Amino acid sequence: MIYRLQEYIKSGGIIVGVSAGALMVSPTIGSAQFGDENHVGLDDLSALGLVPFEIMPHWNKWSRYLADLQKYSLSNNVNIYTVCDGEGIIVQGDYVKLYGDIGIIENGVYI
């Protein structure tokens, strides 16, 4: 199914990810550990990899994890977009458009 979704996107298809669905378009769902517990003991945190960054949804609720996410960003060499409820990101190829006051944690620095 992952291959089909990746091919769908490459051919111009649209996928909308909200909350956990937004996490799924990232390379991993690693940022979910800040806000949600892994009750089922999930070991494989890989996701669809449709965008080259991770997403922290519900930032208005989880912003207290900023320091932890900065460490995570630095140690995993990943950029994290912080998105509050009601905000959004459109990605089309290399084009990225942010809607709202979306922050970026890049190399451990919150921009």
PDB file of N, CA and C in Angstrom:
ATOM      1  N   MET A   1       0.813  -1.192   0.000  1.00  0.00           N
ATOM      2  CA  MET A   1       0.000   0.000   0.000  1.00  0.00           C
ATOM      3  C   MET A   1       0.864   1.268   0.000  1.00  0.00           C
ATOM      4  N   ILE A   2       2.008   1.228   0.698  1.00  0.00           N
ATOM      5  CA  ILE A   2       2.874   2.399   0.757  1.00  0.00           C
ATOM      6  C   ILE A   2       3.344   2.774  -0.646  1.00  0.00           C
ATOM      7  N   TYR A   3       3.777   1.782  -1.410  1.00  0.00           N
ATOM      8  CA  TYR A   3       4.239   2.040  -2.767  1.00  0.00           C
ATOM      9  C   TYR A   3       3.133   2.694  -3.598  1.00  0.00           C
ATOM     10  N   ARG A   4       1.917   2.205  -3.471  1.00  0.00           N
ATOM     11  CA  ARG A   4       0.796   2.764  -4.234  1.00  0.00           C
ATOM     12  C   ARG A   4       0.534   4.222  -3.854  1.00  0.00           C
ATOM     13  N   LEU A   5       0.606   4.533  -2.574  1.00  0.00           N
ATOM     14  CA  LEU A   5       0.415   5.920  -2.136  1.00  0.00           C
ATOM     15  C   LEU A   5       1.537   6.813  -2.643  1.00  0.00           C
ATOM     16  N   GLN A   6       2.763   6.329  -2.614  1.00  0.00           N
ATOM     17  CA  GLN A   6       3.890   7.103  -3.122  1.00  0.00           C
ATOM     18  C   GLN A   6       3.739   7.363  -4.623  1.00  0.00           C
ATOM     19  N   GLU A   7       3.330   6.359  -5.358  1.00  0.00           N
ATOM     20  CA  GLU A   7       3.113   6.519  -6.798  1.00  0.00           C
ATOM     21  C   GLU A   7       1.939   7.456  -7.081  1.00  0.00           C
ATOM     22  N   TYR A   8       0.916   7.376  -6.274  1.00  0.00           N
ATOM     23  CA  TYR A   8      -0.249   8.257  -6.408  1.00  0.00           C
ATOM     24  C   TYR A   8       0.176   9.717  -6.268  1.00  0.00           C
ATOM     25  N   ILE A   9       1.021  10.004  -5.287  1.00  0.00           N
ATOM     26  CA  ILE A   9       1.523  11.363  -5.072  1.00  0.00           C
ATOM     27  C   ILE A   9       2.395  11.794  -6.249  1.00  0.00           C
ATOM     28  N   LYS A  10       3.273  10.921  -6.706  1.00  0.00           N
ATOM     29  CA  LYS A  10       4.158  11.254  -7.832  1.00  0.00           C
ATOM     30  C   LYS A  10       3.369  11.588  -9.092  1.00  0.00           C
ATOM     31  N   SER A  11       2.198  10.982  -9.240  1.00  0.00           N
ATOM     32  CA  SER A  11       1.390  11.227 -10.437  1.00  0.00           C
ATOM     33  C   SER A  11       0.414  12.388 -10.250  1.00  0.00           C
ATOM     34  N   GLY A  12       0.584  13.155  -9.172  1.00  0.00           N
ATOM     35  CA  GLY A  12      -0.241  14.344  -8.980  1.00  0.00           C
ATOM     36  C   GLY A  12      -1.395  14.179  -8.017  1.00  0.00           C
ATOM     37  N   GLY A  13      -1.500  13.045  -7.383  1.00  0.00           N
ATOM     38  CA  GLY A  13      -2.578  12.812  -6.430  1.00  0.00           C
ATOM     39  C   GLY A  13      -2.443  13.672  -5.181  1.00  0.00           C
ATOM     40  N   ILE A  14      -3.537  13.802  -4.477  1.00  0.00           N
ATOM     41  CA  ILE A  14      -3.581  14.624  -3.267  1.00  0.00           C
ATOM     42  C   ILE A  14      -3.896  13.743  -2.063  1.00  0.00           C
ATOM     43  N   ILE A  15      -3.127  13.927  -1.006  1.00  0.00           N
ATOM     44  CA  ILE A  15      -3.391  13.247   0.263  1.00  0.00           C
ATOM     45  C   ILE A  15      -3.520  14.317   1.330  1.00  0.00           C
ATOM     46  N   VAL A  16      -4.537  14.201   2.160  1.00  0.00           N
ATOM     47  CA  VAL A  16      -4.730  15.122   3.269  1.00  0.00           C
ATOM     48  C   VAL A  16      -4.467  14.344   4.552  1.00  0.00           C
ATOM     49  N   GLY A  17      -3.554  14.875   5.364  1.00  0.00           N
ATOM     50  CA  GLY A  17      -3.241  14.230   6.631  1.00  0.00           C
ATOM     51  C   GLY A  17      -3.567  15.165   7.779  1.00  0.00           C
ATOM     52  N   VAL A  18      -4.400  14.727   8.687  1.00  0.00           N
ATOM     53  CA  VAL A  18      -4.790  15.522   9.851  1.00  0.00           C
ATOM     54  C   VAL A  18      -4.419  14.742  11.103  1.00  0.00           C
ATOM     55  N   SER A  19      -3.796  15.399  12.057  1.00  0.00           N
ATOM     56  CA  SER A  19      -3.396  14.795  13.324  1.00  0.00           C
ATOM     57  C   SER A  19      -2.443  13.632  13.058  1.00  0.00           C
ATOM     58  N   ALA A  20      -2.797  12.431  13.436  1.00  0.00           N
ATOM     59  CA  ALA A  20      -1.920  11.281  13.196  1.00  0.00           C
ATOM     60  C   ALA A  20      -1.703  11.061  11.696  1.00  0.00           C
ATOM     61  N   GLY A  21      -2.660  11.429  10.894  1.00  0.00           N
ATOM     62  CA  GLY A  21      -2.500  11.324   9.444  1.00  0.00           C
ATOM     63  C   GLY A  21      -1.405  12.231   8.924  1.00  0.00           C
ATOM     64  N   ALA A  22      -1.227  13.389   9.576  1.00  0.00           N
ATOM     65  CA  ALA A  22      -0.137  14.293   9.201  1.00  0.00           C
ATOM     66  C   ALA A  22       1.208  13.666   9.561  1.00  0.00           C
ATOM     67  N   LEU A  23       1.267  12.979  10.682  1.00  0.00           N
ATOM     68  CA  LEU A  23       2.495  12.280  11.066  1.00  0.00           C
ATOM     69  C   LEU A  23       2.862  11.220  10.029  1.00  0.00           C
ATOM     70  N   MET A  24       1.868  10.580   9.476  1.00  0.00           N
ATOM     71  CA  MET A  24       2.103   9.467   8.564  1.00  0.00           C
ATOM     72  C   MET A  24       2.754   9.877   7.244  1.00  0.00           C
ATOM     73  N   VAL A  25       2.662  11.145   6.840  1.00  0.00           N
ATOM     74  CA  VAL A  25       3.300  11.541   5.586  1.00  0.00           C
ATOM     75  C   VAL A  25       4.797  11.792   5.768  1.00  0.00           C
ATOM     76  N   SER A  26       5.258  11.869   7.012  1.00  0.00           N
ATOM     77  CA  SER A  26       6.669  12.097   7.335  1.00  0.00           C
ATOM     78  C   SER A  26       7.491  10.826   7.107  1.00  0.00           C
ATOM     79  N   PRO A  27       8.816  10.949   7.174  1.00  0.00           N
ATOM     80  CA  PRO A  27       9.650   9.741   7.089  1.00  0.00           C
ATOM     81  C   PRO A  27       9.428   8.793   8.273  1.00  0.00           C
ATOM     82  N   THR A  28       9.180   9.364   9.470  1.00  0.00           N
ATOM     83  CA  THR A  28       8.890   8.547  10.652  1.00  0.00           C
ATOM     84  C   THR A  28       7.803   9.216  11.478  1.00  0.00           C
ATOM     85  N   ILE A  29       7.283   8.472  12.429  1.00  0.00           N
ATOM     86  CA  ILE A  29       6.320   9.038  13.374  1.00  0.00           C
ATOM     87  C   ILE A  29       6.997   9.274  14.728  1.00  0.00           C
ATOM     88  N   GLY A  30       8.316   9.446  14.701  1.00  0.00           N
ATOM     89  CA  GLY A  30       9.100   9.605  15.921  1.00  0.00           C
ATOM     90  C   GLY A  30       8.661  10.762  16.803  1.00  0.00           C
ATOM     91  N   SER A  31       8.195  11.851  16.206  1.00  0.00           N
ATOM     92  CA  SER A  31       7.786  13.004  17.004  1.00  0.00           C
ATOM     93  C   SER A  31       6.533  12.719  17.831  1.00  0.00           C
ATOM     94  N   ALA A  32       5.822  11.654  17.517  1.00  0.00           N
ATOM     95  CA  ALA A  32       4.608  11.314  18.269  1.00  0.00           C
ATOM     96  C   ALA A  32       4.910  10.953  19.719  1.00  0.00           C
ATOM     97  N   GLN A  33       6.142  10.572  20.010  1.00  0.00           N
ATOM     98  CA  GLN A  33       6.486  10.207  21.385  1.00  0.00           C
ATOM     99  C   GLN A  33       6.349  11.384  22.341  1.00  0.00           C
ATOM    100  N   PHE A  34       6.325  12.601  21.800  1.00  0.00           N
ATOM    101  CA  PHE A  34       6.155  13.791  22.618  1.00  0.00           C
ATOM    102  C   PHE A  34       4.684  14.175  22.586  1.00  0.00           C
ATOM    103  N   GLY A  35       3.933  13.627  23.483  1.00  0.00           N
ATOM    104  CA  GLY A  35       2.507  13.898  23.550  1.00  0.00           C
ATOM    105  C   GLY A  35       1.667  12.637  23.627  1.00  0.00           C
ATOM    106  N   ASP A  36       2.132  11.559  23.013  1.00  0.00           N
ATOM    107  CA  ASP A  36       1.383  10.302  23.026  1.00  0.00           C
ATOM    108  C   ASP A  36       2.286   9.168  23.487  1.00  0.00           C
ATOM    109  N   GLU A  37       1.741   8.300  24.298  1.00  0.00           N
ATOM    110  CA  GLU A  37       2.499   7.132  24.756  1.00  0.00           C
ATOM    111  C   GLU A  37       2.369   5.998  23.748  1.00  0.00           C
ATOM    112  N   ASN A  38       3.400   5.189  23.666  1.00  0.00           N
ATOM    113  CA  ASN A  38       3.422   4.031  22.782  1.00  0.00           C
ATOM    114  C   ASN A  38       2.865   2.832  23.568  1.00  0.00           C
ATOM    115  N   HIS A  39       1.553   2.786  23.696  1.00  0.00           N
ATOM    116  CA  HIS A  39       0.886   1.756  24.505  1.00  0.00           C
ATOM    117  C   HIS A  39       1.038   0.347  23.941  1.00  0.00           C
ATOM    118  N   VAL A  40       1.263   0.236  22.638  1.00  0.00           N
ATOM    119  CA  VAL A  40       1.323  -1.087  22.011  1.00  0.00           C
ATOM    120  C   VAL A  40       2.746  -1.576  21.792  1.00  0.00           C
ATOM    121  N   GLY A  41       3.744  -0.776  22.186  1.00  0.00           N
ATOM    122  CA  GLY A  41       5.135  -1.188  22.037  1.00  0.00           C
ATOM    123  C   GLY A  41       5.605  -1.215  20.597  1.00  0.00           C
ATOM    124  N   LEU A  42       5.138  -0.282  19.798  1.00  0.00           N
ATOM    125  CA  LEU A  42       5.515  -0.206  18.390  1.00  0.00           C
ATOM    126  C   LEU A  42       7.016   0.018  18.254  1.00  0.00           C
ATOM    127  N   ASP A  43       7.695  -0.848  17.503  1.00  0.00           N
ATOM    128  CA  ASP A  43       9.141  -0.739  17.285  1.00  0.00           C
ATOM    129  C   ASP A  43       9.478  -0.018  15.979  1.00  0.00           C
ATOM    130  N   ASP A  44       8.731  -0.292  14.940  1.00  0.00           N
ATOM    131  CA  ASP A  44       8.985   0.299  13.627  1.00  0.00           C
ATOM    132  C   ASP A  44       8.216   1.614  13.544  1.00  0.00           C
ATOM    133  N   LEU A  45       8.937   2.733  13.601  1.00  0.00           N
ATOM    134  CA  LEU A  45       8.310   4.048  13.571  1.00  0.00           C
ATOM    135  C   LEU A  45       8.341   4.681  12.178  1.00  0.00           C
ATOM    136  N   SER A  46       8.675   3.892  11.171  1.00  0.00           N
ATOM    137  CA  SER A  46       8.724   4.439   9.820  1.00  0.00           C
ATOM    138  C   SER A  46       7.316   4.768   9.328  1.00  0.00           C
ATOM    139  N   ALA A  47       7.269   5.789   8.468  1.00  0.00           N
ATOM    140  CA  ALA A  47       5.993   6.235   7.912  1.00  0.00           C
ATOM    141  C   ALA A  47       6.115   6.269   6.382  1.00  0.00           C
ATOM    142  N   LEU A  48       5.263   7.029   5.721  1.00  0.00           N
ATOM    143  CA  LEU A  48       5.219   7.019   4.260  1.00  0.00           C
ATOM    144  C   LEU A  48       6.386   7.739   3.597  1.00  0.00           C
ATOM    145  N   GLY A  49       6.982   8.696   4.266  1.00  0.00           N
ATOM    146  CA  GLY A  49       8.108   9.412   3.671  1.00  0.00           C
ATOM    147  C   GLY A  49       7.732  10.262   2.470  1.00  0.00           C
ATOM    148  N   LEU A  50       6.540  10.836   2.483  1.00  0.00           N
ATOM    149  CA  LEU A  50       6.092  11.658   1.359  1.00  0.00           C
ATOM    150  C   LEU A  50       6.602  13.090   1.433  1.00  0.00           C
ATOM    151  N   VAL A  51       7.048  13.502   2.626  1.00  0.00           N
ATOM    152  CA  VAL A  51       7.668  14.818   2.807  1.00  0.00           C
ATOM    153  C   VAL A  51       8.996  14.604   3.523  1.00  0.00           C
ATOM    154  N   PRO A  52       9.957  15.517   3.354  1.00  0.00           N
ATOM    155  CA  PRO A  52      11.286  15.314   3.944  1.00  0.00           C
ATOM    156  C   PRO A  52      11.441  15.877   5.355  1.00  0.00           C
ATOM    157  N   PHE A  53      10.362  15.996   6.086  1.00  0.00           N
ATOM    158  CA  PHE A  53      10.399  16.539   7.444  1.00  0.00           C
ATOM    159  C   PHE A  53       9.359  15.824   8.294  1.00  0.00           C
ATOM    160  N   GLU A  54       9.490  15.985   9.609  1.00  0.00           N
ATOM    161  CA  GLU A  54       8.482  15.437  10.516  1.00  0.00           C
ATOM    162  C   GLU A  54       7.524  16.544  10.921  1.00  0.00           C
ATOM    163  N   ILE A  55       6.397  16.148  11.443  1.00  0.00           N
ATOM    164  CA  ILE A  55       5.354  17.095  11.821  1.00  0.00           C
ATOM    165  C   ILE A  55       4.966  16.860  13.274  1.00  0.00           C
ATOM    166  N   MET A  56       4.802  17.940  14.011  1.00  0.00           N
ATOM    167  CA  MET A  56       4.267  17.874  15.371  1.00  0.00           C
ATOM    168  C   MET A  56       2.916  18.579  15.346  1.00  0.00           C
ATOM    169  N   PRO A  57       1.840  17.787  15.178  1.00  0.00           N
ATOM    170  CA  PRO A  57       0.509  18.397  15.140  1.00  0.00           C
ATOM    171  C   PRO A  57       0.065  18.813  16.543  1.00  0.00           C
ATOM    172  N   HIS A  58      -0.993  19.583  16.612  1.00  0.00           N
ATOM    173  CA  HIS A  58      -1.585  20.042  17.880  1.00  0.00           C
ATOM    174  C   HIS A  58      -0.553  20.807  18.719  1.00  0.00           C
ATOM    175  N   TRP A  59       0.275  21.610  18.054  1.00  0.00           N
ATOM    176  CA  TRP A  59       1.329  22.341  18.746  1.00  0.00           C
ATOM    177  C   TRP A  59       0.760  23.208  19.859  1.00  0.00           C
ATOM    178  N   ASN A  60      -0.455  23.706  19.669  1.00  0.00           N
ATOM    179  CA  ASN A  60      -1.102  24.511  20.705  1.00  0.00           C
ATOM    180  C   ASN A  60      -1.296  23.699  21.982  1.00  0.00           C
ATOM    181  N   LYS A  61      -1.325  22.390  21.885  1.00  0.00           N
ATOM    182  CA  LYS A  61      -1.493  21.514  23.046  1.00  0.00           C
ATOM    183  C   LYS A  61      -0.157  20.969  23.548  1.00  0.00           C
ATOM    184  N   TRP A  62       0.812  20.759  22.622  1.00  0.00           N
ATOM    185  CA  TRP A  62       2.052  20.058  22.972  1.00  0.00           C
ATOM    186  C   TRP A  62       3.308  20.935  22.971  1.00  0.00           C
ATOM    187  N   SER A  63       3.175  22.242  22.927  1.00  0.00           N
ATOM    188  CA  SER A  63       4.355  23.121  22.833  1.00  0.00           C
ATOM    189  C   SER A  63       5.281  23.004  24.046  1.00  0.00           C
ATOM    190  N   ARG A  64       4.781  22.450  25.141  1.00  0.00           N
ATOM    191  CA  ARG A  64       5.642  22.268  26.326  1.00  0.00           C
ATOM    192  C   ARG A  64       6.778  21.276  26.064  1.00  0.00           C
ATOM    193  N   TYR A  65       6.707  20.547  24.956  1.00  0.00           N
ATOM    194  CA  TYR A  65       7.753  19.587  24.598  1.00  0.00           C
ATOM    195  C   TYR A  65       8.821  20.193  23.695  1.00  0.00           C
ATOM    196  N   LEU A  66       8.878  21.515  23.610  1.00  0.00           N
ATOM    197  CA  LEU A  66       9.827  22.169  22.710  1.00  0.00           C
ATOM    198  C   LEU A  66      11.265  21.714  22.954  1.00  0.00           C
ATOM    199  N   ALA A  67      11.730  21.749  24.192  1.00  0.00           N
ATOM    200  CA  ALA A  67      13.119  21.362  24.492  1.00  0.00           C
ATOM    201  C   ALA A  67      13.389  19.916  24.089  1.00  0.00           C
ATOM    202  N   ASP A  68      12.441  19.024  24.353  1.00  0.00           N
ATOM    203  CA  ASP A  68      12.597  17.610  23.973  1.00  0.00           C
ATOM    204  C   ASP A  68      12.649  17.454  22.450  1.00  0.00           C
ATOM    205  N   LEU A  69      11.794  18.196  21.746  1.00  0.00           N
ATOM    206  CA  LEU A  69      11.785  18.122  20.285  1.00  0.00           C
ATOM    207  C   LEU A  69      13.056  18.716  19.688  1.00  0.00           C
ATOM    208  N   GLN A  70      13.608  19.727  20.329  1.00  0.00           N
ATOM    209  CA  GLN A  70      14.862  20.296  19.849  1.00  0.00           C
ATOM    210  C   GLN A  70      15.988  19.264  19.954  1.00  0.00           C
ATOM    211  N   LYS A  71      16.040  18.555  21.070  1.00  0.00           N
ATOM    212  CA  LYS A  71      17.048  17.494  21.239  1.00  0.00           C
ATOM    213  C   LYS A  71      16.825  16.380  20.217  1.00  0.00           C
ATOM    214  N   TYR A  72      15.566  15.999  20.034  1.00  0.00           N
ATOM    215  CA  TYR A  72      15.205  14.950  19.076  1.00  0.00           C
ATOM    216  C   TYR A  72      15.620  15.362  17.662  1.00  0.00           C
ATOM    217  N   SER A  73      15.349  16.611  17.292  1.00  0.00           N
ATOM    218  CA  SER A  73      15.710  17.123  15.974  1.00  0.00           C
ATOM    219  C   SER A  73      17.215  17.052  15.754  1.00  0.00           C
ATOM    220  N   LEU A  74      17.956  17.459  16.748  1.00  0.00           N
ATOM    221  CA  LEU A  74      19.412  17.477  16.639  1.00  0.00           C
ATOM    222  C   LEU A  74      19.996  16.065  16.575  1.00  0.00           C
ATOM    223  N   SER A  75      19.540  15.189  17.458  1.00  0.00           N
ATOM    224  CA  SER A  75      20.106  13.841  17.504  1.00  0.00           C
ATOM    225  C   SER A  75      19.673  12.966  16.332  1.00  0.00           C
ATOM    226  N   ASN A  76      18.539  13.292  15.701  1.00  0.00           N
ATOM    227  CA  ASN A  76      18.053  12.493  14.570  1.00  0.00           C
ATOM    228  C   ASN A  76      18.230  13.197  13.228  1.00  0.00           C
ATOM    229  N   ASN A  77      18.863  14.389  13.257  1.00  0.00           N
ATOM    230  CA  ASN A  77      19.100  15.155  12.040  1.00  0.00           C
ATOM    231  C   ASN A  77      17.832  15.308  11.208  1.00  0.00           C
ATOM    232  N   VAL A  78      16.776  15.787  11.858  1.00  0.00           N
ATOM    233  CA  VAL A  78      15.486  15.942  11.187  1.00  0.00           C
ATOM    234  C   VAL A  78      14.901  17.317  11.505  1.00  0.00           C
ATOM    235  N   ASN A  79      14.225  17.892  10.512  1.00  0.00           N
ATOM    236  CA  ASN A  79      13.484  19.124  10.727  1.00  0.00           C
ATOM    237  C   ASN A  79      12.063  18.748  11.128  1.00  0.00           C
ATOM    238  N   ILE A  80      11.499  19.530  12.041  1.00  0.00           N
ATOM    239  CA  ILE A  80      10.146  19.261  12.534  1.00  0.00           C
ATOM    240  C   ILE A  80       9.314  20.523  12.369  1.00  0.00           C
ATOM    241  N   TYR A  81       8.182  20.416  11.696  1.00  0.00           N
ATOM    242  CA  TYR A  81       7.261  21.527  11.553  1.00  0.00           C
ATOM    243  C   TYR A  81       6.234  21.432  12.685  1.00  0.00           C
ATOM    244  N   THR A  82       6.078  22.524  13.435  1.00  0.00           N
ATOM    245  CA  THR A  82       5.121  22.560  14.541  1.00  0.00           C
ATOM    246  C   THR A  82       3.844  23.224  14.040  1.00  0.00           C
ATOM    247  N   VAL A  83       2.735  22.490  14.099  1.00  0.00           N
ATOM    248  CA  VAL A  83       1.484  22.937  13.487  1.00  0.00           C
ATOM    249  C   VAL A  83       0.361  22.940  14.525  1.00  0.00           C
ATOM    250  N   CYS A  84      -0.224  24.119  14.748  1.00  0.00           N
ATOM    251  CA  CYS A  84      -1.368  24.236  15.657  1.00  0.00           C
ATOM    252  C   CYS A  84      -2.640  23.805  14.935  1.00  0.00           C
ATOM    253  N   ASP A  85      -3.649  23.484  15.696  1.00  0.00           N
ATOM    254  CA  ASP A  85      -4.957  23.157  15.122  1.00  0.00           C
ATOM    255  C   ASP A  85      -5.427  24.347  14.273  1.00  0.00           C
ATOM    256  N   GLY A  86      -5.941  24.056  13.094  1.00  0.00           N
ATOM    257  CA  GLY A  86      -6.429  25.095  12.192  1.00  0.00           C
ATOM    258  C   GLY A  86      -5.382  25.594  11.207  1.00  0.00           C
ATOM    259  N   GLU A  87      -4.132  25.170  11.349  1.00  0.00           N
ATOM    260  CA  GLU A  87      -3.067  25.558  10.430  1.00  0.00           C
ATOM    261  C   GLU A  87      -2.817  24.419   9.444  1.00  0.00           C
ATOM    262  N   GLY A  88      -1.997  24.682   8.440  1.00  0.00           N
ATOM    263  CA  GLY A  88      -1.739  23.627   7.474  1.00  0.00           C
ATOM    264  C   GLY A  88      -0.493  23.860   6.644  1.00  0.00           C
ATOM    265  N   ILE A  89      -0.093  22.814   5.966  1.00  0.00           N
ATOM    266  CA  ILE A  89       1.074  22.836   5.085  1.00  0.00           C
ATOM    267  C   ILE A  89       0.673  22.185   3.774  1.00  0.00           C
ATOM    268  N   ILE A  90       1.014  22.839   2.676  1.00  0.00           N
ATOM    269  CA  ILE A  90       0.826  22.231   1.360  1.00  0.00           C
ATOM    270  C   ILE A  90       2.201  21.934   0.794  1.00  0.00           C
ATOM    271  N   VAL A  91       2.395  20.700   0.360  1.00  0.00           N
ATOM    272  CA  VAL A  91       3.656  20.286  -0.246  1.00  0.00           C
ATOM    273  C   VAL A  91       3.341  19.751  -1.630  1.00  0.00           C
ATOM    274  N   GLN A  92       4.019  20.314  -2.619  1.00  0.00           N
ATOM    275  CA  GLN A  92       3.858  19.846  -3.993  1.00  0.00           C
ATOM    276  C   GLN A  92       5.237  19.828  -4.623  1.00  0.00           C
ATOM    277  N   GLY A  93       5.823  18.653  -4.699  1.00  0.00           N
ATOM    278  CA  GLY A  93       7.199  18.548  -5.161  1.00  0.00           C
ATOM    279  C   GLY A  93       8.116  19.230  -4.157  1.00  0.00           C
ATOM    280  N   ASP A  94       8.928  20.177  -4.620  1.00  0.00           N
ATOM    281  CA  ASP A  94       9.815  20.930  -3.736  1.00  0.00           C
ATOM    282  C   ASP A  94       9.143  22.167  -3.144  1.00  0.00           C
ATOM    283  N   TYR A  95       7.922  22.460  -3.585  1.00  0.00           N
ATOM    284  CA  TYR A  95       7.178  23.634  -3.116  1.00  0.00           C
ATOM    285  C   TYR A  95       6.520  23.328  -1.764  1.00  0.00           C
ATOM    286  N   VAL A  96       6.787  24.192  -0.772  1.00  0.00           N
ATOM    287  CA  VAL A  96       6.178  24.046   0.548  1.00  0.00           C
ATOM    288  C   VAL A  96       5.548  25.380   0.915  1.00  0.00           C
ATOM    289  N   LYS A  97       4.244  25.395   1.176  1.00  0.00           N
ATOM    290  CA  LYS A  97       3.520  26.600   1.562  1.00  0.00           C
ATOM    291  C   LYS A  97       2.937  26.383   2.958  1.00  0.00           C
ATOM    292  N   LEU A  98       3.252  27.298   3.869  1.00  0.00           N
ATOM    293  CA  LEU A  98       2.779  27.214   5.240  1.00  0.00           C
ATOM    294  C   LEU A  98       1.584  28.140   5.419  1.00  0.00           C
ATOM    295  N   TYR A  99       0.544  27.657   6.059  1.00  0.00           N
ATOM    296  CA  TYR A  99      -0.647  28.434   6.365  1.00  0.00           C
ATOM    297  C   TYR A  99      -0.794  28.508   7.875  1.00  0.00           C
ATOM    298  N   GLY A 100      -0.557  29.691   8.420  1.00  0.00           N
ATOM    299  CA  GLY A 100      -0.631  29.875   9.861  1.00  0.00           C
ATOM    300  C   GLY A 100       0.742  30.197  10.418  1.00  0.00           C
ATOM    301  N   ASP A 101       0.837  30.202  11.715  1.00  0.00           N
ATOM    302  CA  ASP A 101       2.077  30.545  12.413  1.00  0.00           C
ATOM    303  C   ASP A 101       2.868  29.271  12.705  1.00  0.00           C
ATOM    304  N   ILE A 102       3.270  28.584  11.674  1.00  0.00           N
ATOM    305  CA  ILE A 102       3.949  27.296  11.796  1.00  0.00           C
ATOM    306  C   ILE A 102       5.429  27.525  12.071  1.00  0.00           C
ATOM    307  N   GLY A 103       5.936  26.862  13.089  1.00  0.00           N
ATOM    308  CA  GLY A 103       7.349  26.947  13.418  1.00  0.00           C
ATOM    309  C   GLY A 103       8.101  25.769  12.831  1.00  0.00           C
ATOM    310  N   ILE A 104       9.420  25.917  12.795  1.00  0.00           N
ATOM    311  CA  ILE A 104      10.277  24.840  12.300  1.00  0.00           C
ATOM    312  C   ILE A 104      11.402  24.643  13.304  1.00  0.00           C
ATOM    313  N   ILE A 105      11.621  23.404  13.686  1.00  0.00           N
ATOM    314  CA  ILE A 105      12.767  23.049  14.510  1.00  0.00           C
ATOM    315  C   ILE A 105      13.792  22.443  13.569  1.00  0.00           C
ATOM    316  N   GLU A 106      14.881  23.166  13.371  1.00  0.00           N
ATOM    317  CA  GLU A 106      15.907  22.758  12.413  1.00  0.00           C
ATOM    318  C   GLU A 106      17.254  22.681  13.121  1.00  0.00           C
ATOM    319  N   ASN A 107      17.866  21.500  13.073  1.00  0.00           N
ATOM    320  CA  ASN A 107      19.133  21.280  13.776  1.00  0.00           C
ATOM    321  C   ASN A 107      19.050  21.691  15.246  1.00  0.00           C
ATOM    322  N   GLY A 108      17.925  21.396  15.854  1.00  0.00           N
ATOM    323  CA  GLY A 108      17.732  21.683  17.265  1.00  0.00           C
ATOM    324  C   GLY A 108      17.356  23.112  17.589  1.00  0.00           C
ATOM    325  N   VAL A 109      17.210  23.972  16.577  1.00  0.00           N
ATOM    326  CA  VAL A 109      16.885  25.385  16.789  1.00  0.00           C
ATOM    327  C   VAL A 109      15.458  25.650  16.341  1.00  0.00           C
ATOM    328  N   TYR A 110      14.674  26.296  17.202  1.00  0.00           N
ATOM    329  CA  TYR A 110      13.279  26.627  16.874  1.00  0.00           C
ATOM    330  C   TYR A 110      13.235  27.950  16.130  1.00  0.00           C
ATOM    331  N   ILE A 111      12.739  27.898  14.903  1.00  0.00           N
ATOM    332  CA  ILE A 111      12.658  29.089  14.050  1.00  0.00           C
ATOM    333  C   ILE A 111      11.214  29.531  13.977  1.00  0.00           C
TER     334      ILE A 111
END
